[in-house]
Amino acid sequence: MALLAAPAAYASDPTTDPTATESAPETASASPSASDTQSATATATSDPSASDSQSPTTDPTATESATETASASPTASTSPSASASATAPSDDESWNPYEDCKSFNLDDKLTASISGLPNQIVAGSGWHEFEFVVTNDSDKDLEKVWVEAFTEYSDDTNEDSSLAFDLAEIQYKLDGKWTSNYQDYYEDEDGKFHFSGTFVALLDSLEKHSTATMDLRVRVNKDAPAGSSFALSQAVYAGEEAACYGNGDNYDFTVLAAGSKPSGNVDDAKPSGEKPDVTDGTRPQGDVKEIAGNLAETGSSSALPMIGLVGGVAVAAGAGAVFVVRRKKAGAQA
């Protein structure tokens, strides 16, 4: 499996943060408006087209706008954790694992998992909520942990169609509201193309023995063809001397034709055991814009870590070369 290009991430020594004593529920209720700069940058990443083209009538919440901006999110100052002082890196500072990583190793102390995603989804059946859980079981704090989740058809299945591009849509719950602002996108001289079936973000910090839980939801367009599919979850950070570390899983599920019924019991999708790896890719075209996000944490003194929006080209992320080829097709059509 392949990783998207991402901003720098690294492990750091644990630091003492005397103000990080608030619980996650208390922090979640705070939602003052973001700064003008954050609002301006995040506005460019909203994706009204994905929501307009994928509006199953079976879901009363499907009409929620996908064009929410960072103005609805709290500023970094609302976070009681040490991560509140972090600044957004510019594009020049972005980290590209395909160019900057001399090695990639699986880190068994870092896990990126999906919970609650059904193993069968009927096209056009509306939203299905699930959790994206990233856990740091190591004895060191991690900074700038890049995370990703997306859906796609399996290899050799519906090769002319793509869940990641436009037949699925993933949203993230930010301060109690669903937003499409965390989708990756491709941009060239012809404009911007959002990958509606993707979620990409940056955890500013993930303390030792702590967990960050992100609430996501997915829906599959009623026009999506039936076929075997998968969802990917992964997290990656950079160590010393250009060594990269990460982990993740693939979860198999099946897209069923619109109007059909699931066969047997619908259970949670299970991990296949296939792990991510670094392969060829291209540099991102955007930068990282940090905004505050509501991440429920356990076992950590940081009640509200930062979550960043990764703007850039989606690269080499999917089942082998299939996603790369489909990305290039979408880029040509954008």
C-alpha atoms as a PDB file:
ATOM      1  CA  MET A   1       0.000   0.000   0.000  1.00  0.00           C
ATOM      2  CA  ALA A   2       1.154   3.557  -0.539  1.00  0.00           C
ATOM      3  CA  LEU A   3       1.217   6.670   1.527  1.00  0.00           C
ATOM      4  CA  LEU A   4       0.091  10.131   0.472  1.00  0.00           C
ATOM      5  CA  ALA A   5       2.673  12.913   0.614  1.00  0.00           C
ATOM      6  CA  ALA A   6       2.446  14.672   3.957  1.00  0.00           C
ATOM      7  CA  PRO A   7       3.983  17.327   6.214  1.00  0.00           C
ATOM      8  CA  ALA A   8       6.833  16.550   8.569  1.00  0.00           C
ATOM      9  CA  ALA A   9       6.164  14.319  11.512  1.00  0.00           C
ATOM     10  CA  TYR A  10       8.581  13.262  14.190  1.00  0.00           C
ATOM     11  CA  ALA A  11       8.911  11.753  17.632  1.00  0.00           C
ATOM     12  CA  SER A  12       9.770  14.041  20.510  1.00  0.00           C
ATOM     13  CA  ASP A  13      10.631  13.789  24.141  1.00  0.00           C
ATOM     14  CA  PRO A  14       7.613  14.127  26.409  1.00  0.00           C
ATOM     15  CA  THR A  15       7.036  17.593  27.788  1.00  0.00           C
ATOM     16  CA  THR A  16       5.168  18.763  30.829  1.00  0.00           C
ATOM     17  CA  ASP A  17       2.034  20.772  30.158  1.00  0.00           C
ATOM     18  CA  PRO A  18       0.534  22.011  33.430  1.00  0.00           C
ATOM     19  CA  THR A  19      -2.517  23.426  31.654  1.00  0.00           C
ATOM     20  CA  ALA A  20      -3.534  20.209  29.930  1.00  0.00           C
ATOM     21  CA  THR A  21      -5.817  18.964  32.648  1.00  0.00           C
ATOM     22  CA  GLU A  22      -9.236  19.494  31.099  1.00  0.00           C
ATOM     23  CA  SER A  23     -11.132  16.402  29.984  1.00  0.00           C
ATOM     24  CA  ALA A  24     -12.038  15.815  26.362  1.00  0.00           C
ATOM     25  CA  PRO A  25     -15.802  16.375  26.920  1.00  0.00           C
ATOM     26  CA  GLU A  26     -15.167  19.764  28.511  1.00  0.00           C
ATOM     27  CA  THR A  27     -12.960  20.846  25.632  1.00  0.00           C
ATOM     28  CA  ALA A  28     -15.381  19.603  23.033  1.00  0.00           C
ATOM     29  CA  SER A  29     -17.958  22.152  24.106  1.00  0.00           C
ATOM     30  CA  ALA A  30     -15.708  25.106  23.320  1.00  0.00           C
ATOM     31  CA  SER A  31     -16.180  26.479  19.822  1.00  0.00           C
ATOM     32  CA  PRO A  32     -15.160  30.140  19.401  1.00  0.00           C
ATOM     33  CA  SER A  33     -14.586  31.296  15.857  1.00  0.00           C
ATOM     34  CA  ALA A  34     -11.282  30.799  14.066  1.00  0.00           C
ATOM     35  CA  SER A  35      -8.932  33.582  13.039  1.00  0.00           C
ATOM     36  CA  ASP A  36      -9.330  35.377   9.733  1.00  0.00           C
ATOM     37  CA  THR A  37      -6.252  33.642   8.361  1.00  0.00           C
ATOM     38  CA  GLN A  38      -7.487  30.175   9.222  1.00  0.00           C
ATOM     39  CA  SER A  39     -10.908  30.911   7.776  1.00  0.00           C
ATOM     40  CA  ALA A  40      -9.484  32.219   4.531  1.00  0.00           C
ATOM     41  CA  THR A  41      -7.224  29.245   3.940  1.00  0.00           C
ATOM     42  CA  ALA A  42      -9.701  26.568   4.875  1.00  0.00           C
ATOM     43  CA  THR A  43     -12.450  28.048   2.728  1.00  0.00           C
ATOM     44  CA  ALA A  44     -10.553  27.105  -0.404  1.00  0.00           C
ATOM     45  CA  THR A  45     -10.717  23.447   0.507  1.00  0.00           C
ATOM     46  CA  SER A  46     -14.478  23.069   0.836  1.00  0.00           C
ATOM     47  CA  ASP A  47     -16.089  20.668  -1.593  1.00  0.00           C
ATOM     48  CA  PRO A  48     -19.685  21.514  -2.542  1.00  0.00           C
ATOM     49  CA  SER A  49     -19.583  19.349  -5.651  1.00  0.00           C
ATOM     50  CA  ALA A  50     -19.119  16.073  -3.795  1.00  0.00           C
ATOM     51  CA  SER A  51     -22.136  16.725  -1.632  1.00  0.00           C
ATOM     52  CA  ASP A  52     -24.302  17.977  -4.493  1.00  0.00           C
ATOM     53  CA  SER A  53     -23.635  14.927  -6.635  1.00  0.00           C
ATOM     54  CA  GLN A  54     -24.165  12.434  -3.832  1.00  0.00           C
ATOM     55  CA  SER A  55     -27.441  13.152  -2.075  1.00  0.00           C
ATOM     56  CA  PRO A  56     -29.421   9.958  -1.418  1.00  0.00           C
ATOM     57  CA  THR A  57     -32.965  10.827  -0.407  1.00  0.00           C
ATOM     58  CA  THR A  58     -32.960   8.019   2.138  1.00  0.00           C
ATOM     59  CA  ASP A  59     -30.778  10.064   4.458  1.00  0.00           C
ATOM     60  CA  PRO A  60     -32.346  13.104   6.135  1.00  0.00           C
ATOM     61  CA  THR A  61     -28.911  14.458   7.002  1.00  0.00           C
ATOM     62  CA  ALA A  62     -27.511  14.178   3.504  1.00  0.00           C
ATOM     63  CA  THR A  63     -28.430  17.755   2.680  1.00  0.00           C
ATOM     64  CA  GLU A  64     -25.997  19.127   5.183  1.00  0.00           C
ATOM     65  CA  SER A  65     -23.590  21.463   3.490  1.00  0.00           C
ATOM     66  CA  ALA A  66     -20.115  20.214   2.639  1.00  0.00           C
ATOM     67  CA  THR A  67     -18.856  23.767   2.363  1.00  0.00           C
ATOM     68  CA  GLU A  68     -18.302  24.460   6.017  1.00  0.00           C
ATOM     69  CA  THR A  69     -15.130  26.430   6.638  1.00  0.00           C
ATOM     70  CA  ALA A  70     -12.677  26.736   9.462  1.00  0.00           C
ATOM     71  CA  SER A  71     -14.654  29.706  10.756  1.00  0.00           C
ATOM     72  CA  ALA A  72     -16.859  27.199  12.544  1.00  0.00           C
ATOM     73  CA  SER A  73     -13.927  25.715  14.395  1.00  0.00           C
ATOM     74  CA  PRO A  74     -12.155  26.936  17.531  1.00  0.00           C
ATOM     75  CA  THR A  75      -8.760  28.540  17.309  1.00  0.00           C
ATOM     76  CA  ALA A  76      -5.585  26.914  18.550  1.00  0.00           C
ATOM     77  CA  SER A  77      -5.808  28.959  21.723  1.00  0.00           C
ATOM     78  CA  THR A  78      -8.812  26.928  22.892  1.00  0.00           C
ATOM     79  CA  SER A  79      -6.618  23.877  23.313  1.00  0.00           C
ATOM     80  CA  PRO A  80      -5.243  23.392  26.825  1.00  0.00           C
ATOM     81  CA  SER A  81      -2.460  21.196  25.482  1.00  0.00           C
ATOM     82  CA  ALA A  82       1.074  22.126  24.502  1.00  0.00           C
ATOM     83  CA  SER A  83       0.114  21.607  20.855  1.00  0.00           C
ATOM     84  CA  ALA A  84      -1.752  24.945  20.886  1.00  0.00           C
ATOM     85  CA  SER A  85       1.526  26.762  20.177  1.00  0.00           C
ATOM     86  CA  ALA A  86       2.179  24.849  16.977  1.00  0.00           C
ATOM     87  CA  THR A  87       2.297  26.753  13.697  1.00  0.00           C
ATOM     88  CA  ALA A  88       1.232  25.582  10.289  1.00  0.00           C
ATOM     89  CA  PRO A  89       4.202  24.639   8.110  1.00  0.00           C
ATOM     90  CA  SER A  90       4.397  26.159   4.665  1.00  0.00           C
ATOM     91  CA  ASP A  91       4.525  24.185   1.446  1.00  0.00           C
ATOM     92  CA  ASP A  92       8.306  24.575   1.382  1.00  0.00           C
ATOM     93  CA  GLU A  93       8.479  22.757   4.710  1.00  0.00           C
ATOM     94  CA  SER A  94       6.193  19.924   3.643  1.00  0.00           C
ATOM     95  CA  TRP A  95       7.510  16.429   4.073  1.00  0.00           C
ATOM     96  CA  ASN A  96       7.327  14.024   1.153  1.00  0.00           C
ATOM     97  CA  PRO A  97       7.945  10.370   2.106  1.00  0.00           C
ATOM     98  CA  TYR A  98       8.746   9.495  -1.500  1.00  0.00           C
ATOM     99  CA  GLU A  99      11.638  11.949  -1.603  1.00  0.00           C
ATOM    100  CA  ASP A 100      12.577  12.419   2.035  1.00  0.00           C
ATOM    101  CA  CYS A 101      12.308   8.917   3.504  1.00  0.00           C
ATOM    102  CA  LYS A 102      15.321   6.682   3.160  1.00  0.00           C
ATOM    103  CA  SER A 103      13.481   3.853   4.890  1.00  0.00           C
ATOM    104  CA  PHE A 104      10.000   2.952   6.055  1.00  0.00           C
ATOM    105  CA  ASN A 105       9.355   0.657   8.991  1.00  0.00           C
ATOM    106  CA  LEU A 106       6.193  -0.594  10.611  1.00  0.00           C
ATOM    107  CA  ASP A 107       5.803   0.690  14.155  1.00  0.00           C
ATOM    108  CA  ASP A 108       3.900  -1.871  16.220  1.00  0.00           C
ATOM    109  CA  LYS A 109       3.465   0.702  18.985  1.00  0.00           C
ATOM    110  CA  LEU A 110       1.438   2.929  16.649  1.00  0.00           C
ATOM    111  CA  THR A 111      -1.917   1.683  15.400  1.00  0.00           C
ATOM    112  CA  ALA A 112      -4.443   3.217  13.009  1.00  0.00           C
ATOM    113  CA  SER A 113      -7.715   1.319  12.984  1.00  0.00           C
ATOM    114  CA  ILE A 114     -11.323   1.631  11.852  1.00  0.00           C
ATOM    115  CA  SER A 115     -14.246   0.626  14.037  1.00  0.00           C
ATOM    116  CA  GLY A 116     -17.915   0.377  13.120  1.00  0.00           C
ATOM    117  CA  LEU A 117     -17.647   0.400   9.329  1.00  0.00           C
ATOM    118  CA  PRO A 118     -20.218  -2.101   7.968  1.00  0.00           C
ATOM    119  CA  ASN A 119     -18.925  -4.952   5.827  1.00  0.00           C
ATOM    120  CA  GLN A 120     -21.801  -4.407   3.377  1.00  0.00           C
ATOM    121  CA  ILE A 121     -22.999  -1.023   2.115  1.00  0.00           C
ATOM    122  CA  VAL A 122     -25.924  -0.632  -0.264  1.00  0.00           C
ATOM    123  CA  ALA A 123     -25.342   2.135  -2.810  1.00  0.00           C
ATOM    124  CA  GLY A 124     -27.606   5.083  -2.071  1.00  0.00           C
ATOM    125  CA  SER A 125     -28.438   3.905   1.459  1.00  0.00           C
ATOM    126  CA  GLY A 126     -27.236   7.104   3.138  1.00  0.00           C
ATOM    127  CA  TRP A 127     -24.630   7.756   5.786  1.00  0.00           C
ATOM    128  CA  HIS A 128     -22.819   5.107   7.812  1.00  0.00           C
ATOM    129  CA  GLU A 129     -20.848   6.349  10.816  1.00  0.00           C
ATOM    130  CA  PHE A 130     -17.585   4.824  12.011  1.00  0.00           C
ATOM    131  CA  GLU A 131     -14.522   5.728  14.065  1.00  0.00           C
ATOM    132  CA  PHE A 132     -10.925   6.222  12.990  1.00  0.00           C
ATOM    133  CA  VAL A 133      -8.745   5.453  16.012  1.00  0.00           C
ATOM    134  CA  VAL A 134      -5.021   6.245  16.247  1.00  0.00           C
ATOM    135  CA  THR A 135      -3.148   4.957  19.306  1.00  0.00           C
ATOM    136  CA  ASN A 136       0.396   5.646  20.464  1.00  0.00           C
ATOM    137  CA  ASP A 137       1.399   2.824  22.822  1.00  0.00           C
ATOM    138  CA  SER A 138       5.043   3.846  22.923  1.00  0.00           C
ATOM    139  CA  ASP A 139       6.947   5.590  25.719  1.00  0.00           C
ATOM    140  CA  LYS A 140       7.556   8.708  23.632  1.00  0.00           C
ATOM    141  CA  ASP A 141       5.367  11.538  22.399  1.00  0.00           C
ATOM    142  CA  LEU A 142       4.826  11.780  18.651  1.00  0.00           C
ATOM    143  CA  GLU A 143       4.474  15.063  16.819  1.00  0.00           C
ATOM    144  CA  LYS A 144       3.000  15.796  13.393  1.00  0.00           C
ATOM    145  CA  VAL A 145       1.345  12.423  12.908  1.00  0.00           C
ATOM    146  CA  TRP A 146      -0.203  12.284   9.459  1.00  0.00           C
ATOM    147  CA  VAL A 147      -3.377  10.190   9.197  1.00  0.00           C
ATOM    148  CA  GLU A 148      -5.504   9.020   6.288  1.00  0.00           C
ATOM    149  CA  ALA A 149      -8.610   6.983   5.605  1.00  0.00           C
ATOM    150  CA  PHE A 150     -10.238   6.319   2.258  1.00  0.00           C
ATOM    151  CA  THR A 151     -12.429   3.849   0.394  1.00  0.00           C
ATOM    152  CA  GLU A 152     -11.831   2.234  -2.986  1.00  0.00           C
ATOM    153  CA  TYR A 153     -12.783  -0.750  -5.086  1.00  0.00           C
ATOM    154  CA  SER A 154     -10.442  -3.721  -4.854  1.00  0.00           C
ATOM    155  CA  ASP A 155      -7.935  -4.525  -7.581  1.00  0.00           C
ATOM    156  CA  ASP A 156      -9.506  -5.585 -10.897  1.00  0.00           C
ATOM    157  CA  THR A 157     -12.964  -4.509  -9.677  1.00  0.00           C
ATOM    158  CA  ASN A 158     -14.855  -1.776 -11.533  1.00  0.00           C
ATOM    159  CA  GLU A 159     -11.650  -0.382 -12.974  1.00  0.00           C
ATOM    160  CA  ASP A 160     -13.500   2.480 -14.662  1.00  0.00           C
ATOM    161  CA  SER A 161     -15.129   3.562 -11.395  1.00  0.00           C
ATOM    162  CA  SER A 162     -13.705   4.916  -8.160  1.00  0.00           C
ATOM    163  CA  LEU A 163     -15.113   5.242  -4.667  1.00  0.00           C
ATOM    164  CA  ALA A 164     -12.247   7.491  -3.626  1.00  0.00           C
ATOM    165  CA  PHE A 165     -12.745   9.901  -6.508  1.00  0.00           C
ATOM    166  CA  ASP A 166     -16.460  10.553  -6.568  1.00  0.00           C
ATOM    167  CA  LEU A 167     -18.668   7.533  -5.847  1.00  0.00           C
ATOM    168  CA  ALA A 168     -18.200   7.676  -2.075  1.00  0.00           C
ATOM    169  CA  GLU A 169     -18.057  10.592   0.320  1.00  0.00           C
ATOM    170  CA  ILE A 170     -16.328  10.752   3.702  1.00  0.00           C
ATOM    171  CA  GLN A 171     -17.031  13.485   6.229  1.00  0.00           C
ATOM    172  CA  TYR A 172     -15.433  14.334   9.572  1.00  0.00           C
ATOM    173  CA  LYS A 173     -17.371  15.526  12.621  1.00  0.00           C
ATOM    174  CA  LEU A 174     -15.905  18.842  13.760  1.00  0.00           C
ATOM    175  CA  ASP A 175     -17.437  20.462  16.840  1.00  0.00           C
ATOM    176  CA  GLY A 176     -20.617  18.447  16.393  1.00  0.00           C
ATOM    177  CA  LYS A 177     -21.025  19.317  12.713  1.00  0.00           C
ATOM    178  CA  TRP A 178     -20.143  17.181   9.717  1.00  0.00           C
ATOM    179  CA  THR A 179     -17.716  18.667   7.216  1.00  0.00           C
ATOM    180  CA  SER A 180     -16.105  17.645   3.924  1.00  0.00           C
ATOM    181  CA  ASN A 181     -13.166  19.992   4.453  1.00  0.00           C
ATOM    182  CA  TYR A 182     -10.761  17.144   5.201  1.00  0.00           C
ATOM    183  CA  GLN A 183     -10.932  15.538   1.774  1.00  0.00           C
ATOM    184  CA  ASP A 184      -7.795  15.405  -0.320  1.00  0.00           C
ATOM    185  CA  TYR A 185      -7.724  17.044  -3.733  1.00  0.00           C
ATOM    186  CA  TYR A 186      -5.855  17.278  -6.988  1.00  0.00           C
ATOM    187  CA  GLU A 187      -5.059  20.676  -8.479  1.00  0.00           C
ATOM    188  CA  ASP A 188      -3.578  21.672 -11.820  1.00  0.00           C
ATOM    189  CA  GLU A 189      -3.907  24.488 -14.333  1.00  0.00           C
ATOM    190  CA  ASP A 190      -7.498  23.449 -15.035  1.00  0.00           C
ATOM    191  CA  GLY A 191      -8.618  23.799 -11.444  1.00  0.00           C
ATOM    192  CA  LYS A 192      -9.206  21.650  -8.387  1.00  0.00           C
ATOM    193  CA  PHE A 193     -10.665  18.145  -8.149  1.00  0.00           C
ATOM    194  CA  HIS A 194     -11.684  16.818  -4.731  1.00  0.00           C
ATOM    195  CA  PHE A 195     -11.442  13.143  -3.849  1.00  0.00           C
ATOM    196  CA  SER A 196     -14.725  12.858  -2.000  1.00  0.00           C
ATOM    197  CA  GLY A 197     -14.049   9.369  -0.653  1.00  0.00           C
ATOM    198  CA  THR A 198     -10.945  10.391   1.293  1.00  0.00           C
ATOM    199  CA  PHE A 199     -10.033  11.821   4.701  1.00  0.00           C
ATOM    200  CA  VAL A 200      -6.577  13.289   5.340  1.00  0.00           C
ATOM    201  CA  ALA A 201      -5.470  15.134   8.475  1.00  0.00           C
ATOM    202  CA  LEU A 202      -2.511  16.004  10.685  1.00  0.00           C
ATOM    203  CA  LEU A 203      -2.399  15.321  14.410  1.00  0.00           C
ATOM    204  CA  ASP A 204      -0.180  18.027  15.825  1.00  0.00           C
ATOM    205  CA  SER A 205       0.783  15.767  18.722  1.00  0.00           C
ATOM    206  CA  LEU A 206      -0.037  12.321  20.038  1.00  0.00           C
ATOM    207  CA  GLU A 207       1.295  11.772  23.527  1.00  0.00           C
ATOM    208  CA  LYS A 208       2.711   8.496  24.762  1.00  0.00           C
ATOM    209  CA  HIS A 209       0.113   5.909  25.750  1.00  0.00           C
ATOM    210  CA  SER A 210      -2.725   8.010  24.327  1.00  0.00           C
ATOM    211  CA  THR A 211      -5.469   7.564  21.760  1.00  0.00           C
ATOM    212  CA  ALA A 212      -7.069  10.005  19.312  1.00  0.00           C
ATOM    213  CA  THR A 213     -10.517   9.075  18.019  1.00  0.00           C
ATOM    214  CA  MET A 214     -11.993  10.760  14.939  1.00  0.00           C
ATOM    215  CA  ASP A 215     -15.684  10.420  14.118  1.00  0.00           C
ATOM    216  CA  LEU A 216     -16.206   9.835  10.403  1.00  0.00           C
ATOM    217  CA  ARG A 217     -19.098   8.853   8.196  1.00  0.00           C
ATOM    218  CA  VAL A 218     -19.311   7.519   4.656  1.00  0.00           C
ATOM    219  CA  ARG A 219     -21.992   7.182   2.032  1.00  0.00           C
ATOM    220  CA  VAL A 220     -21.890   5.515  -1.376  1.00  0.00           C
ATOM    221  CA  ASN A 221     -23.528   7.138  -4.385  1.00  0.00           C
ATOM    222  CA  LYS A 222     -26.647   5.379  -5.678  1.00  0.00           C
ATOM    223  CA  ASP A 223     -24.967   5.081  -9.090  1.00  0.00           C
ATOM    224  CA  ALA A 224     -21.953   3.199  -7.711  1.00  0.00           C
ATOM    225  CA  PRO A 225     -21.613  -0.283  -9.217  1.00  0.00           C
ATOM    226  CA  ALA A 226     -21.589  -3.297  -6.928  1.00  0.00           C
ATOM    227  CA  GLY A 227     -18.244  -4.864  -6.120  1.00  0.00           C
ATOM    228  CA  SER A 228     -15.675  -5.852  -3.531  1.00  0.00           C
ATOM    229  CA  SER A 229     -14.070  -2.840  -1.884  1.00  0.00           C
ATOM    230  CA  PHE A 230     -11.795  -1.832   0.949  1.00  0.00           C
ATOM    231  CA  ALA A 231     -11.216   1.003   3.384  1.00  0.00           C
ATOM    232  CA  LEU A 232      -7.697   1.978   4.360  1.00  0.00           C
ATOM    233  CA  SER A 233      -6.564   3.520   7.630  1.00  0.00           C
ATOM    234  CA  GLN A 234      -2.996   4.591   8.237  1.00  0.00           C
ATOM    235  CA  ALA A 235      -0.794   6.895  10.283  1.00  0.00           C
ATOM    236  CA  VAL A 236       2.834   7.871   9.660  1.00  0.00           C
ATOM    237  CA  TYR A 237       5.527  10.018  11.251  1.00  0.00           C
ATOM    238  CA  ALA A 238       9.210  10.724  10.608  1.00  0.00           C
ATOM    239  CA  GLY A 239      12.057   9.800  12.905  1.00  0.00           C
ATOM    240  CA  GLU A 240      15.694  10.801  12.726  1.00  0.00           C
ATOM    241  CA  GLU A 241      17.858  10.720   9.606  1.00  0.00           C
ATOM    242  CA  ALA A 242      14.949  10.473   7.169  1.00  0.00           C
ATOM    243  CA  ALA A 243      13.608   7.234   8.629  1.00  0.00           C
ATOM    244  CA  CYS A 244       9.822   6.921   8.408  1.00  0.00           C
ATOM    245  CA  TYR A 245       7.551   4.932  10.689  1.00  0.00           C
ATOM    246  CA  GLY A 246       3.884   4.104  10.496  1.00  0.00           C
ATOM    247  CA  ASN A 247       1.139   1.549  10.605  1.00  0.00           C
ATOM    248  CA  GLY A 248      -2.355   0.914   9.337  1.00  0.00           C
ATOM    249  CA  ASP A 249      -4.773  -1.661   8.007  1.00  0.00           C
ATOM    250  CA  ASN A 250      -7.112  -2.485   5.155  1.00  0.00           C
ATOM    251  CA  TYR A 251     -10.735  -3.378   5.822  1.00  0.00           C
ATOM    252  CA  ASP A 252     -12.690  -5.394   3.276  1.00  0.00           C
ATOM    253  CA  PHE A 253     -16.319  -4.553   2.582  1.00  0.00           C
ATOM    254  CA  THR A 254     -18.764  -4.994  -0.289  1.00  0.00           C
ATOM    255  CA  VAL A 255     -20.726  -2.360  -2.171  1.00  0.00           C
ATOM    256  CA  LEU A 256     -24.177  -3.686  -3.061  1.00  0.00           C
ATOM    257  CA  ALA A 257     -26.283  -2.377  -5.940  1.00  0.00           C
ATOM    258  CA  ALA A 258     -28.820   0.327  -5.152  1.00  0.00           C
ATOM    259  CA  GLY A 259     -32.151  -1.097  -4.046  1.00  0.00           C
ATOM    260  CA  SER A 260     -30.728  -4.463  -3.017  1.00  0.00           C
ATOM    261  CA  LYS A 261     -30.594  -5.905   0.479  1.00  0.00           C
ATOM    262  CA  PRO A 262     -27.533  -7.104   2.402  1.00  0.00           C
ATOM    263  CA  SER A 263     -27.006 -10.837   2.466  1.00  0.00           C
ATOM    264  CA  GLY A 264     -27.127 -12.295   5.964  1.00  0.00           C
ATOM    265  CA  ASN A 265     -26.041 -10.262   8.956  1.00  0.00           C
ATOM    266  CA  VAL A 266     -24.217  -6.978   8.486  1.00  0.00           C
ATOM    267  CA  ASP A 267     -21.130  -6.996  10.713  1.00  0.00           C
ATOM    268  CA  ASP A 268     -18.218  -4.624  11.169  1.00  0.00           C
ATOM    269  CA  ALA A 269     -15.574  -4.783   8.455  1.00  0.00           C
ATOM    270  CA  LYS A 270     -12.494  -6.679   9.642  1.00  0.00           C
ATOM    271  CA  PRO A 271      -8.838  -5.839   8.933  1.00  0.00           C
ATOM    272  CA  SER A 272      -7.262  -7.956   6.212  1.00  0.00           C
ATOM    273  CA  GLY A 273      -3.772  -7.803   7.724  1.00  0.00           C
ATOM    274  CA  GLU A 274      -2.317  -6.014   4.700  1.00  0.00           C
ATOM    275  CA  LYS A 275       0.002  -3.222   5.836  1.00  0.00           C
ATOM    276  CA  PRO A 276       0.906   0.088   4.145  1.00  0.00           C
ATOM    277  CA  ASP A 277       4.247   0.800   2.512  1.00  0.00           C
ATOM    278  CA  VAL A 278       5.954   3.674   0.723  1.00  0.00           C
ATOM    279  CA  THR A 279       6.026   3.614  -3.087  1.00  0.00           C
ATOM    280  CA  ASP A 280       6.538   6.128  -5.865  1.00  0.00           C
ATOM    281  CA  GLY A 281       4.449   9.274  -5.825  1.00  0.00           C
ATOM    282  CA  THR A 282       4.479  12.996  -6.518  1.00  0.00           C
ATOM    283  CA  ARG A 283       4.820  16.023  -4.308  1.00  0.00           C
ATOM    284  CA  PRO A 284       1.704  17.650  -2.888  1.00  0.00           C
ATOM    285  CA  GLN A 285       0.674  20.955  -4.423  1.00  0.00           C
ATOM    286  CA  GLY A 286      -0.857  22.482  -1.297  1.00  0.00           C
ATOM    287  CA  ASP A 287       0.253  23.143   2.249  1.00  0.00           C
ATOM    288  CA  VAL A 288      -0.932  22.197   5.710  1.00  0.00           C
ATOM    289  CA  LYS A 289      -3.419  24.438   7.473  1.00  0.00           C
ATOM    290  CA  GLU A 290      -3.865  23.674  11.139  1.00  0.00           C
ATOM    291  CA  ILE A 291      -7.275  24.110  12.705  1.00  0.00           C
ATOM    292  CA  ALA A 292      -8.602  22.837  15.984  1.00  0.00           C
ATOM    293  CA  GLY A 293     -10.551  19.623  15.955  1.00  0.00           C
ATOM    294  CA  ASN A 294     -12.587  17.688  18.472  1.00  0.00           C
ATOM    295  CA  LEU A 295     -10.596  14.505  19.020  1.00  0.00           C
ATOM    296  CA  ALA A 296     -11.721  12.375  21.920  1.00  0.00           C
ATOM    297  CA  GLU A 297      -8.600  11.247  23.786  1.00  0.00           C
ATOM    298  CA  THR A 298      -8.068   8.649  26.455  1.00  0.00           C
ATOM    299  CA  GLY A 299      -5.025   8.174  28.619  1.00  0.00           C
ATOM    300  CA  SER A 300      -3.566  11.531  27.694  1.00  0.00           C
ATOM    301  CA  SER A 301      -3.173  14.839  29.476  1.00  0.00           C
ATOM    302  CA  SER A 302      -3.911  16.697  26.237  1.00  0.00           C
ATOM    303  CA  ALA A 303      -7.650  17.151  26.022  1.00  0.00           C
ATOM    304  CA  LEU A 304      -7.648  18.666  22.543  1.00  0.00           C
ATOM    305  CA  PRO A 305      -4.775  18.014  20.150  1.00  0.00           C
ATOM    306  CA  MET A 306      -4.607  19.944  16.914  1.00  0.00           C
ATOM    307  CA  ILE A 307      -5.751  18.468  13.650  1.00  0.00           C
ATOM    308  CA  GLY A 308      -4.548  19.876  10.355  1.00  0.00           C
ATOM    309  CA  LEU A 309      -6.015  19.963   6.875  1.00  0.00           C
ATOM    310  CA  VAL A 310      -3.657  18.577   4.268  1.00  0.00           C
ATOM    311  CA  GLY A 311      -4.151  20.337   0.957  1.00  0.00           C
ATOM    312  CA  GLY A 312      -2.451  18.767  -2.034  1.00  0.00           C
ATOM    313  CA  VAL A 313      -2.420  16.180  -4.721  1.00  0.00           C
ATOM    314  CA  ALA A 314      -3.550  12.696  -3.806  1.00  0.00           C
ATOM    315  CA  VAL A 315      -0.776  10.322  -4.771  1.00  0.00           C
ATOM    316  CA  ALA A 316      -0.178   6.604  -4.928  1.00  0.00           C
ATOM    317  CA  ALA A 317      -2.637   5.683  -2.205  1.00  0.00           C
ATOM    318  CA  GLY A 318      -4.732   2.638  -2.737  1.00  0.00           C
ATOM    319  CA  ALA A 319      -4.603  -0.931  -3.873  1.00  0.00           C
ATOM    320  CA  GLY A 320      -1.269  -1.035  -5.647  1.00  0.00           C
ATOM    321  CA  ALA A 321      -1.148   1.008  -8.828  1.00  0.00           C
ATOM    322  CA  VAL A 322      -4.910   1.031  -9.311  1.00  0.00           C
ATOM    323  CA  PHE A 323      -5.462   4.222  -7.363  1.00  0.00           C
ATOM    324  CA  VAL A 324      -2.527   5.926  -9.073  1.00  0.00           C
ATOM    325  CA  VAL A 325      -3.995   5.220 -12.506  1.00  0.00           C
ATOM    326  CA  ARG A 326      -7.443   6.364 -11.448  1.00  0.00           C
ATOM    327  CA  ARG A 327      -6.014   9.524  -9.929  1.00  0.00           C
ATOM    328  CA  LYS A 328      -4.329  10.389 -13.196  1.00  0.00           C
ATOM    329  CA  LYS A 329      -7.589   9.826 -15.079  1.00  0.00           C
ATOM    330  CA  ALA A 330      -9.445  12.113 -12.706  1.00  0.00           C
ATOM    331  CA  GLY A 331      -6.723  14.718 -12.963  1.00  0.00           C
ATOM    332  CA  ALA A 332      -7.019  14.720 -16.725  1.00  0.00           C
ATOM    333  CA  GLN A 333     -10.775  15.210 -16.464  1.00  0.00           C
ATOM    334  CA  ALA A 334     -10.679  17.921 -13.780  1.00  0.00           C
END
